[in-house]
Amino acid sequence: MKITDVSVQVVDAGVTMLFAERLIMNLANVIVRVRTEDGIEGVAGSSTYLGAQAVAAALAELKPLLIGEDPLYRERIWQRLNEVSILMVLRAVGSCGSRRRPSGLQAARGPSGPAARVR
């Protein structure tokens, strides 16, 4: 069995919340449908007040990693998506225009610069 299609849909729930007297947040549901070559369809969803469109866009970007995979190997799919999503976040952080590395990367890579090269 192989995954043949993944679709993402954002559905506005019609509920609005005011946060910190300035930020208006709308409740939305992100619905993901996974279809297989055998005609089996799986549906999952999540609700959020903030970032539903961003979640849907990220899921759409990850679609090529799912096509052709066996949906029964959930752990393999999870590991692959997790690795790629971490790389996407690191790339986004690195492209923010700052020359200074985030502290998490600094700790992972160790010290850098002229002083770190001197022993």
C-alpha atoms as a PDB file:
ATOM      1  CA  MET A   1       0.000   0.000   0.000  1.00  0.00           C
ATOM      2  CA  LYS A   2       1.366   3.444  -0.960  1.00  0.00           C
ATOM      3  CA  ILE A   3       0.270   7.017  -0.281  1.00  0.00           C
ATOM      4  CA  THR A   4      -0.925   8.651  -3.505  1.00  0.00           C
ATOM      5  CA  ASP A   5      -2.264  12.013  -2.329  1.00  0.00           C
ATOM      6  CA  VAL A   6      -2.214  14.350   0.643  1.00  0.00           C
ATOM      7  CA  SER A   7      -4.517  17.357   0.836  1.00  0.00           C
ATOM      8  CA  VAL A   8      -4.724  20.095   3.450  1.00  0.00           C
ATOM      9  CA  GLN A   9      -7.733  22.296   4.108  1.00  0.00           C
ATOM     10  CA  VAL A  10      -8.281  25.149   6.576  1.00  0.00           C
ATOM     11  CA  VAL A  11     -11.859  25.557   7.804  1.00  0.00           C
ATOM     12  CA  ASP A  12     -12.820  28.687   9.738  1.00  0.00           C
ATOM     13  CA  ALA A  13     -14.820  27.675  12.827  1.00  0.00           C
ATOM     14  CA  GLY A  14     -16.495  31.072  13.162  1.00  0.00           C
ATOM     15  CA  VAL A  15     -15.186  31.678  16.696  1.00  0.00           C
ATOM     16  CA  THR A  16     -13.130  34.776  17.496  1.00  0.00           C
ATOM     17  CA  MET A  17     -11.090  35.518  20.611  1.00  0.00           C
ATOM     18  CA  LEU A  18      -9.515  38.802  21.696  1.00  0.00           C
ATOM     19  CA  PHE A  19      -6.081  38.333  23.236  1.00  0.00           C
ATOM     20  CA  ALA A  20      -4.190  41.008  25.203  1.00  0.00           C
ATOM     21  CA  GLU A  21      -6.773  43.597  24.129  1.00  0.00           C
ATOM     22  CA  ARG A  22      -5.147  43.911  20.682  1.00  0.00           C
ATOM     23  CA  LEU A  23      -4.769  40.579  18.938  1.00  0.00           C
ATOM     24  CA  ILE A  24      -7.880  39.135  17.336  1.00  0.00           C
ATOM     25  CA  MET A  25      -7.576  35.385  16.829  1.00  0.00           C
ATOM     26  CA  ASN A  26      -9.968  33.234  14.817  1.00  0.00           C
ATOM     27  CA  LEU A  27     -10.450  29.579  15.618  1.00  0.00           C
ATOM     28  CA  ALA A  28      -9.684  27.430  12.578  1.00  0.00           C
ATOM     29  CA  ASN A  29      -9.459  23.718  11.909  1.00  0.00           C
ATOM     30  CA  VAL A  30      -6.645  22.274   9.814  1.00  0.00           C
ATOM     31  CA  ILE A  31      -7.814  19.062   8.136  1.00  0.00           C
ATOM     32  CA  VAL A  32      -5.407  16.649   6.449  1.00  0.00           C
ATOM     33  CA  ARG A  33      -6.561  13.829   4.156  1.00  0.00           C
ATOM     34  CA  VAL A  34      -4.210  11.031   3.154  1.00  0.00           C
ATOM     35  CA  ARG A  35      -5.258   8.745   0.289  1.00  0.00           C
ATOM     36  CA  THR A  36      -3.707   5.443  -0.750  1.00  0.00           C
ATOM     37  CA  GLU A  37      -3.558   3.498  -3.991  1.00  0.00           C
ATOM     38  CA  ASP A  38      -5.954   0.972  -2.446  1.00  0.00           C
ATOM     39  CA  GLY A  39      -8.658   3.623  -2.055  1.00  0.00           C
ATOM     40  CA  ILE A  40      -8.248   3.931   1.716  1.00  0.00           C
ATOM     41  CA  GLU A  41      -8.482   7.472   3.090  1.00  0.00           C
ATOM     42  CA  GLY A  42      -7.298   8.712   6.461  1.00  0.00           C
ATOM     43  CA  VAL A  43      -8.412  12.025   7.927  1.00  0.00           C
ATOM     44  CA  ALA A  44      -6.827  13.953  10.796  1.00  0.00           C
ATOM     45  CA  GLY A  45      -7.435  17.410  12.148  1.00  0.00           C
ATOM     46  CA  SER A  46      -6.234  20.018  14.563  1.00  0.00           C
ATOM     47  CA  SER A  47      -7.719  23.262  15.858  1.00  0.00           C
ATOM     48  CA  THR A  48      -5.796  26.443  16.477  1.00  0.00           C
ATOM     49  CA  TYR A  49      -6.455  30.108  17.137  1.00  0.00           C
ATOM     50  CA  LEU A  50      -3.242  31.285  15.535  1.00  0.00           C
ATOM     51  CA  GLY A  51      -1.230  30.134  12.520  1.00  0.00           C
ATOM     52  CA  ALA A  52      -3.659  27.787  10.764  1.00  0.00           C
ATOM     53  CA  GLN A  53      -2.598  29.022   7.320  1.00  0.00           C
ATOM     54  CA  ALA A  54       1.075  28.616   8.238  1.00  0.00           C
ATOM     55  CA  VAL A  55       0.473  25.055   9.446  1.00  0.00           C
ATOM     56  CA  ALA A  56      -1.394  24.228   6.234  1.00  0.00           C
ATOM     57  CA  ALA A  57       1.392  25.726   4.115  1.00  0.00           C
ATOM     58  CA  ALA A  58       4.060  23.752   5.989  1.00  0.00           C
ATOM     59  CA  LEU A  59       2.096  20.523   5.561  1.00  0.00           C
ATOM     60  CA  ALA A  60       1.685  21.211   1.847  1.00  0.00           C
ATOM     61  CA  GLU A  61       5.459  21.708   1.568  1.00  0.00           C
ATOM     62  CA  LEU A  62       6.049  18.309   3.185  1.00  0.00           C
ATOM     63  CA  LYS A  63       3.675  16.484   0.818  1.00  0.00           C
ATOM     64  CA  PRO A  64       6.448  15.167  -1.507  1.00  0.00           C
ATOM     65  CA  LEU A  65       7.956  13.299   1.448  1.00  0.00           C
ATOM     66  CA  LEU A  66       4.708  11.383   1.951  1.00  0.00           C
ATOM     67  CA  ILE A  67       3.854  10.408  -1.619  1.00  0.00           C
ATOM     68  CA  GLY A  68       4.946   6.823  -2.290  1.00  0.00           C
ATOM     69  CA  GLU A  69       5.409   5.942   1.389  1.00  0.00           C
ATOM     70  CA  ASP A  70       3.634   3.026   3.051  1.00  0.00           C
ATOM     71  CA  PRO A  71       1.183   4.588   5.555  1.00  0.00           C
ATOM     72  CA  LEU A  72       1.575   1.595   7.856  1.00  0.00           C
ATOM     73  CA  TYR A  73       5.184   2.602   8.585  1.00  0.00           C
ATOM     74  CA  ARG A  74       4.134   5.520  10.764  1.00  0.00           C
ATOM     75  CA  GLU A  75       7.360   5.704  12.767  1.00  0.00           C
ATOM     76  CA  ARG A  76       9.502   5.947   9.606  1.00  0.00           C
ATOM     77  CA  ILE A  77       7.257   8.704   8.228  1.00  0.00           C
ATOM     78  CA  TRP A  78       7.307  10.545  11.569  1.00  0.00           C
ATOM     79  CA  GLN A  79      11.116  10.428  11.793  1.00  0.00           C
ATOM     80  CA  ARG A  80      11.529  11.667   8.238  1.00  0.00           C
ATOM     81  CA  LEU A  81       9.075  14.563   8.677  1.00  0.00           C
ATOM     82  CA  ASN A  82      10.628  15.467  12.007  1.00  0.00           C
ATOM     83  CA  GLU A  83      14.144  15.630  10.556  1.00  0.00           C
ATOM     84  CA  VAL A  84      13.069  17.757   7.614  1.00  0.00           C
ATOM     85  CA  SER A  85      10.934  20.116   9.706  1.00  0.00           C
ATOM     86  CA  ILE A  86      13.863  20.739  12.060  1.00  0.00           C
ATOM     87  CA  LEU A  87      16.046  21.601   9.059  1.00  0.00           C
ATOM     88  CA  MET A  88      13.332  23.946   7.750  1.00  0.00           C
ATOM     89  CA  VAL A  89      13.240  25.794  11.077  1.00  0.00           C
ATOM     90  CA  LEU A  90      17.027  26.042  11.278  1.00  0.00           C
ATOM     91  CA  ARG A  91      17.184  27.399   7.734  1.00  0.00           C
ATOM     92  CA  ALA A  92      14.469  29.961   8.526  1.00  0.00           C
ATOM     93  CA  VAL A  93      16.300  31.056  11.673  1.00  0.00           C
ATOM     94  CA  GLY A  94      19.547  31.312   9.730  1.00  0.00           C
ATOM     95  CA  SER A  95      17.962  33.518   7.061  1.00  0.00           C
ATOM     96  CA  CYS A  96      16.611  36.127   9.476  1.00  0.00           C
ATOM     97  CA  GLY A  97      19.466  38.485   8.654  1.00  0.00           C
ATOM     98  CA  SER A  98      21.373  38.067  11.886  1.00  0.00           C
ATOM     99  CA  ARG A  99      25.016  37.090  11.695  1.00  0.00           C
ATOM    100  CA  ARG A 100      24.909  35.798  15.237  1.00  0.00           C
ATOM    101  CA  ARG A 101      23.965  32.139  15.583  1.00  0.00           C
ATOM    102  CA  PRO A 102      21.072  31.245  17.907  1.00  0.00           C
ATOM    103  CA  SER A 103      22.318  29.970  21.258  1.00  0.00           C
ATOM    104  CA  GLY A 104      21.026  26.423  20.602  1.00  0.00           C
ATOM    105  CA  LEU A 105      23.135  26.157  17.450  1.00  0.00           C
ATOM    106  CA  GLN A 106      26.098  27.725  19.230  1.00  0.00           C
ATOM    107  CA  ALA A 107      25.899  25.072  21.934  1.00  0.00           C
ATOM    108  CA  ALA A 108      25.496  22.260  19.400  1.00  0.00           C
ATOM    109  CA  ARG A 109      28.416  23.368  17.228  1.00  0.00           C
ATOM    110  CA  GLY A 110      30.656  24.626  20.009  1.00  0.00           C
ATOM    111  CA  PRO A 111      32.446  27.950  20.192  1.00  0.00           C
ATOM    112  CA  SER A 112      33.482  29.720  17.011  1.00  0.00           C
ATOM    113  CA  GLY A 113      35.603  32.677  16.046  1.00  0.00           C
ATOM    114  CA  PRO A 114      39.293  33.492  16.380  1.00  0.00           C
ATOM    115  CA  ALA A 115      39.474  32.770  20.117  1.00  0.00           C
ATOM    116  CA  ALA A 116      38.038  29.278  19.634  1.00  0.00           C
ATOM    117  CA  ARG A 117      40.728  28.429  17.090  1.00  0.00           C
ATOM    118  CA  VAL A 118      43.605  29.270  19.434  1.00  0.00           C
ATOM    119  CA  ARG A 119      44.640  26.416  21.693  1.00  0.00           C
END
